[in-house]
Amino acid sequence: MQLIKLDATDSTNDYLKSLAKSKYLDDFTVVTTKNQLKGKGQMGAKWYSEPGKNLTCSVLKKNLNIPIFDQFALNCCTSLAVYNTLKAISVPNLSIKWPNDILSGSQKICGILIENICSGGLVRTSIIGIGLNVNQQNFNNLQNASSLKMLLGKALDIGELLCHIVSNLEEAFKSWERNGYRYLLNHYENHLFRRDKPSTFKNSTDELFMGFITGVTKEGKLIVTLEDNVLREFDRKEIQLLY
């Protein structure tokens, strides 16, 4: 693993993306920082991390050459890599909140942001950003945030966690290659937060409705069973699962 350590940067995703354009980097090159000044989450949300307390990193995945409509497989690989890492250290009540947050119970402990470089209808390269709450204990009144230290009652080594996540990420990509996307998606669905449980959702016009999470399509849309057993598919801009 080629590892680049930074004391501070605006965004590890942006830094790695820029670096990959200017020089040769190995597959699975990792950029990590103690202090991410302008961390990004899904759909432009900000990601705040207390300096030196958490794992903030980005991983380069090269030579993908996969159809754009299969790009959700990258979310599956990354979510499962983090999930398996945390399961191995006995983090309780783990699940994946669609599309790619990792929860313990109803508390968020990890966010993932994947940015792809595409051409000719194919995803060529992916920048995989991971923000894992490790030793932080103050989240500025964010009700649904927690950390590994808060959950396990002890501080953890951030470098060791990074090594395990990257190793599990490499294994997830090998599993995808060996067994196919459907196999990967099935494993992802098996760990979905609130799957097959009555849940409350909010649509793009802020209307609330009830439904059951049934699964996820290959394109990454959430499949929800509504009243009268009607199945509908939603993308991430159309629906929000409320806790």
Protein backbone atom coordinates (compact mmCIF):
# COMPACT_ATOMS: atom_id res chain seq x y z
CA MET A 1 0.00 0.00 0.00
CA GLN A 2 1.44 3.36 -1.06
CA LEU A 3 0.55 5.72 1.79
CA ILE A 4 0.71 9.51 1.66
CA LYS A 5 0.30 11.20 5.07
CA LEU A 6 -0.69 14.85 5.31
CA ASP A 7 -0.91 17.05 8.38
CA ALA A 8 -3.78 19.00 6.85
CA THR A 9 -5.63 19.38 3.54
CA ASP A 10 -8.95 20.74 2.36
CA SER A 11 -10.13 17.35 1.09
CA THR A 12 -8.27 14.06 0.72
CA ASN A 13 -10.48 13.25 -2.28
CA ASP A 14 -9.51 16.48 -4.04
CA TYR A 15 -5.84 16.06 -3.14
CA LEU A 16 -5.69 12.48 -4.45
CA LYS A 17 -7.62 13.36 -7.59
CA SER A 18 -5.21 16.19 -8.40
CA LEU A 19 -2.14 14.08 -7.59
CA ALA A 20 -3.29 11.23 -9.81
CA LYS A 21 -3.47 13.63 -12.77
CA SER A 22 0.10 14.82 -12.30
CA LYS A 23 2.06 11.65 -11.52
CA TYR A 24 1.91 7.86 -11.61
CA LEU A 25 0.35 6.28 -8.53
CA ASP A 26 -0.04 2.64 -7.61
CA ASP A 27 -3.46 1.03 -7.43
CA PHE A 28 -4.89 1.43 -3.91
CA THR A 29 -2.69 4.43 -3.15
CA VAL A 30 -4.01 6.03 0.06
CA VAL A 31 -3.99 9.66 1.16
CA THR A 32 -4.73 10.30 4.82
CA THR A 33 -4.75 13.48 6.89
CA LYS A 34 -4.91 14.46 10.56
CA ASN A 35 -6.96 17.55 9.75
CA GLN A 36 -9.43 17.74 6.86
CA LEU A 37 -10.41 21.38 6.52
CA LYS A 38 -13.27 21.10 4.04
CA GLY A 39 -14.50 17.53 4.28
CA LYS A 40 -17.33 16.59 1.95
CA GLY A 41 -20.30 14.29 2.38
CA GLN A 42 -23.05 13.09 0.09
CA MET A 43 -24.83 15.69 -2.08
CA GLY A 44 -22.61 18.57 -0.93
CA ALA A 45 -23.02 18.06 2.81
CA LYS A 46 -20.09 19.06 5.01
CA TRP A 47 -18.20 16.44 7.00
CA TYR A 48 -16.66 17.73 10.23
CA SER A 49 -13.85 15.77 11.86
CA GLU A 50 -11.96 16.80 14.98
CA PRO A 51 -8.24 17.03 14.07
CA GLY A 52 -6.19 13.94 14.89
CA LYS A 53 -9.10 11.96 16.30
CA ASN A 54 -10.54 10.17 13.27
CA LEU A 55 -9.66 8.31 10.10
CA THR A 56 -10.04 10.62 7.11
CA CYS A 57 -8.63 9.07 3.97
CA SER A 58 -9.07 8.52 0.26
CA VAL A 59 -8.16 5.44 -1.74
CA LEU A 60 -7.31 5.34 -5.45
CA LYS A 61 -8.81 2.47 -7.47
CA LYS A 62 -7.44 2.33 -11.00
CA ASN A 63 -8.12 0.33 -14.18
CA LEU A 64 -11.78 -0.29 -13.45
CA ASN A 65 -13.27 0.08 -16.93
CA ILE A 66 -16.78 -0.80 -15.77
CA PRO A 67 -20.06 0.43 -17.28
CA ILE A 68 -21.34 3.59 -15.61
CA PHE A 69 -24.62 1.85 -14.75
CA ASP A 70 -22.63 -0.63 -12.59
CA GLN A 71 -20.86 2.05 -10.55
CA PHE A 72 -22.91 1.33 -7.42
CA ALA A 73 -20.77 -1.79 -7.05
CA LEU A 74 -18.05 0.57 -5.80
CA ASN A 75 -20.36 1.67 -2.98
CA CYS A 76 -21.03 -1.97 -2.14
CA CYS A 77 -17.31 -2.85 -2.05
CA THR A 78 -16.46 0.09 0.19
CA SER A 79 -19.43 -0.26 2.55
CA LEU A 80 -18.74 -3.97 3.01
CA ALA A 81 -15.01 -3.37 3.57
CA VAL A 82 -15.75 -0.92 6.39
CA TYR A 83 -18.55 -3.11 7.78
CA ASN A 84 -16.29 -6.19 7.91
CA THR A 85 -13.48 -4.22 9.55
CA LEU A 86 -15.75 -2.96 12.30
CA LYS A 87 -17.45 -6.31 12.79
CA ALA A 88 -14.02 -7.88 13.43
CA ILE A 89 -13.47 -5.54 16.39
CA SER A 90 -16.96 -6.24 17.81
CA VAL A 91 -18.67 -2.92 17.09
CA PRO A 92 -22.30 -3.65 18.06
CA ASN A 93 -25.47 -3.54 15.94
CA LEU A 94 -23.74 -2.72 12.64
CA SER A 95 -25.69 -1.92 9.50
CA ILE A 96 -25.35 -0.04 6.22
CA LYS A 97 -27.72 2.90 5.81
CA TRP A 98 -28.40 3.33 2.11
CA PRO A 99 -26.49 4.36 0.15
CA ASN A 100 -23.24 4.15 2.14
CA ASP A 101 -23.31 5.29 5.77
CA ILE A 102 -22.20 2.80 8.40
CA LEU A 103 -24.29 2.76 11.58
CA SER A 104 -24.11 1.24 15.03
CA GLY A 105 -27.73 0.99 16.07
CA SER A 106 -29.12 4.28 14.77
CA GLN A 107 -25.86 6.21 15.23
CA LYS A 108 -23.64 7.12 12.30
CA ILE A 109 -19.99 6.21 12.68
CA CYS A 110 -18.74 6.31 9.09
CA GLY A 111 -19.50 8.19 5.89
CA ILE A 112 -18.30 7.35 2.41
CA LEU A 113 -17.96 9.62 -0.63
CA ILE A 114 -17.00 8.07 -3.96
CA GLU A 115 -16.04 10.25 -6.93
CA ASN A 116 -15.53 8.59 -10.30
CA ILE A 117 -13.54 9.58 -13.36
CA CYS A 118 -15.43 8.44 -16.46
CA SER A 119 -14.95 8.41 -20.21
CA GLY A 120 -16.57 6.57 -23.10
CA GLY A 121 -19.46 5.35 -20.94
CA LEU A 122 -17.08 3.63 -18.52
CA VAL A 123 -15.84 4.36 -15.02
CA ARG A 124 -12.05 4.34 -15.43
CA THR A 125 -10.82 5.43 -12.00
CA SER A 126 -12.44 5.93 -8.62
CA ILE A 127 -11.50 8.10 -5.65
CA ILE A 128 -12.94 6.44 -2.55
CA GLY A 129 -13.25 8.77 0.44
CA ILE A 130 -13.82 7.34 3.91
CA GLY A 131 -14.50 9.27 7.10
CA LEU A 132 -14.59 7.02 10.17
CA ASN A 133 -15.26 8.40 13.65
CA VAL A 134 -12.61 6.73 15.80
CA ASN A 135 -11.60 8.63 18.94
CA GLN A 136 -13.74 11.78 18.72
CA GLN A 137 -16.29 12.22 21.52
CA ASN A 138 -17.81 15.66 20.85
CA PHE A 139 -20.04 16.01 17.79
CA ASN A 140 -21.48 19.50 18.31
CA ASN A 141 -24.94 18.22 19.29
CA LEU A 142 -25.33 15.95 16.27
CA GLN A 143 -27.87 13.52 17.71
CA ASN A 144 -27.14 10.56 15.47
CA ALA A 145 -23.31 10.61 15.48
CA SER A 146 -21.03 8.37 17.51
CA SER A 147 -17.48 6.99 17.44
CA LEU A 148 -15.68 3.72 18.05
CA LYS A 149 -14.28 5.04 21.33
CA MET A 150 -17.75 5.93 22.57
CA LEU A 151 -19.13 2.55 21.53
CA LEU A 152 -16.26 0.34 22.70
CA GLY A 153 -15.06 2.38 25.67
CA LYS A 154 -11.45 2.59 24.53
CA ALA A 155 -9.20 4.47 22.10
CA LEU A 156 -8.21 2.69 18.90
CA ASP A 157 -5.17 2.92 16.65
CA ILE A 158 -6.18 4.83 13.52
CA GLY A 159 -3.32 3.44 11.43
CA GLU A 160 -4.28 -0.15 12.20
CA LEU A 161 -7.89 0.51 11.25
CA LEU A 162 -6.75 2.01 7.94
CA CYS A 163 -4.66 -1.06 7.10
CA HIS A 164 -7.57 -3.40 7.84
CA ILE A 165 -10.02 -1.33 5.79
CA VAL A 166 -7.72 -1.21 2.75
CA SER A 167 -7.07 -4.95 3.02
CA ASN A 168 -10.80 -5.65 3.20
CA LEU A 169 -11.40 -3.25 0.31
CA GLU A 170 -8.91 -5.17 -1.84
CA GLU A 171 -10.66 -8.41 -0.89
CA ALA A 172 -14.08 -6.93 -1.76
CA PHE A 173 -12.87 -6.06 -5.25
CA LYS A 174 -11.47 -9.58 -5.70
CA SER A 175 -14.80 -11.03 -4.57
CA TRP A 176 -16.60 -8.84 -7.12
CA GLU A 177 -14.28 -10.11 -9.84
CA ARG A 178 -14.68 -13.75 -8.78
CA ASN A 179 -18.39 -13.88 -8.03
CA GLY A 180 -20.00 -11.02 -9.96
CA TYR A 181 -21.96 -7.93 -9.05
CA ARG A 182 -25.15 -9.72 -8.01
CA TYR A 183 -23.25 -11.67 -5.33
CA LEU A 184 -21.77 -8.42 -4.00
CA LEU A 185 -25.14 -6.66 -4.01
CA ASN A 186 -26.77 -9.53 -2.12
CA HIS A 187 -24.23 -9.17 0.69
CA TYR A 188 -24.77 -5.42 0.76
CA GLU A 189 -28.56 -5.90 0.99
CA ASN A 190 -28.17 -8.39 3.84
CA HIS A 191 -26.75 -5.61 6.04
CA LEU A 192 -29.18 -2.82 5.09
CA PHE A 193 -30.44 -0.62 7.91
CA ARG A 194 -34.18 -1.19 8.57
CA ARG A 195 -34.60 -3.71 5.78
CA ASP A 196 -38.07 -5.28 5.89
CA LYS A 197 -39.07 -3.05 8.82
CA PRO A 198 -41.79 -0.38 8.73
CA SER A 199 -40.00 2.92 8.15
CA THR A 200 -40.77 6.58 7.60
CA PHE A 201 -39.47 8.37 4.53
CA LYS A 202 -39.49 11.93 3.23
CA ASN A 203 -39.67 12.67 -0.49
CA SER A 204 -38.20 15.57 -2.48
CA THR A 205 -41.20 17.79 -1.62
CA ASP A 206 -40.89 17.04 2.13
CA GLU A 207 -43.96 14.79 2.21
CA LEU A 208 -43.78 11.90 4.70
CA PHE A 209 -44.82 8.35 3.86
CA MET A 210 -44.44 4.83 5.21
CA GLY A 211 -42.84 1.85 3.55
CA PHE A 212 -40.55 -1.16 3.87
CA ILE A 213 -37.01 -1.23 2.48
CA THR A 214 -36.94 -4.29 0.24
CA GLY A 215 -33.56 -4.04 -1.49
CA VAL A 216 -31.42 -2.07 -3.92
CA THR A 217 -31.25 -2.18 -7.71
CA LYS A 218 -27.97 -2.67 -9.60
CA GLU A 219 -28.11 1.03 -10.41
CA GLY A 220 -28.15 1.82 -6.69
CA LYS A 221 -31.80 2.84 -6.36
CA LEU A 222 -33.59 1.97 -3.13
CA ILE A 223 -36.50 -0.47 -3.56
CA VAL A 224 -39.36 0.35 -1.18
CA THR A 225 -42.59 -1.60 -0.71
CA LEU A 226 -45.48 0.83 -0.29
CA GLU A 227 -49.16 0.30 0.51
CA ASP A 228 -50.92 -2.54 -1.31
CA ASN A 229 -47.50 -4.18 -1.91
CA VAL A 230 -46.57 -1.65 -4.60
CA LEU A 231 -42.81 -1.62 -5.28
CA ARG A 232 -41.13 1.68 -6.13
CA GLU A 233 -37.53 2.58 -6.86
CA PHE A 234 -35.98 5.83 -5.59
CA ASP A 235 -32.62 7.47 -6.20
CA ARG A 236 -30.84 9.39 -3.44
CA LYS A 237 -32.24 12.76 -4.52
CA GLU A 238 -35.83 11.49 -4.33
CA ILE A 239 -36.03 9.99 -0.87
CA GLN A 240 -34.67 10.30 2.65
CA LEU A 241 -34.97 7.61 5.30
CA LEU A 242 -35.81 9.15 8.66
CA TYR A 243 -34.38 7.55 11.82
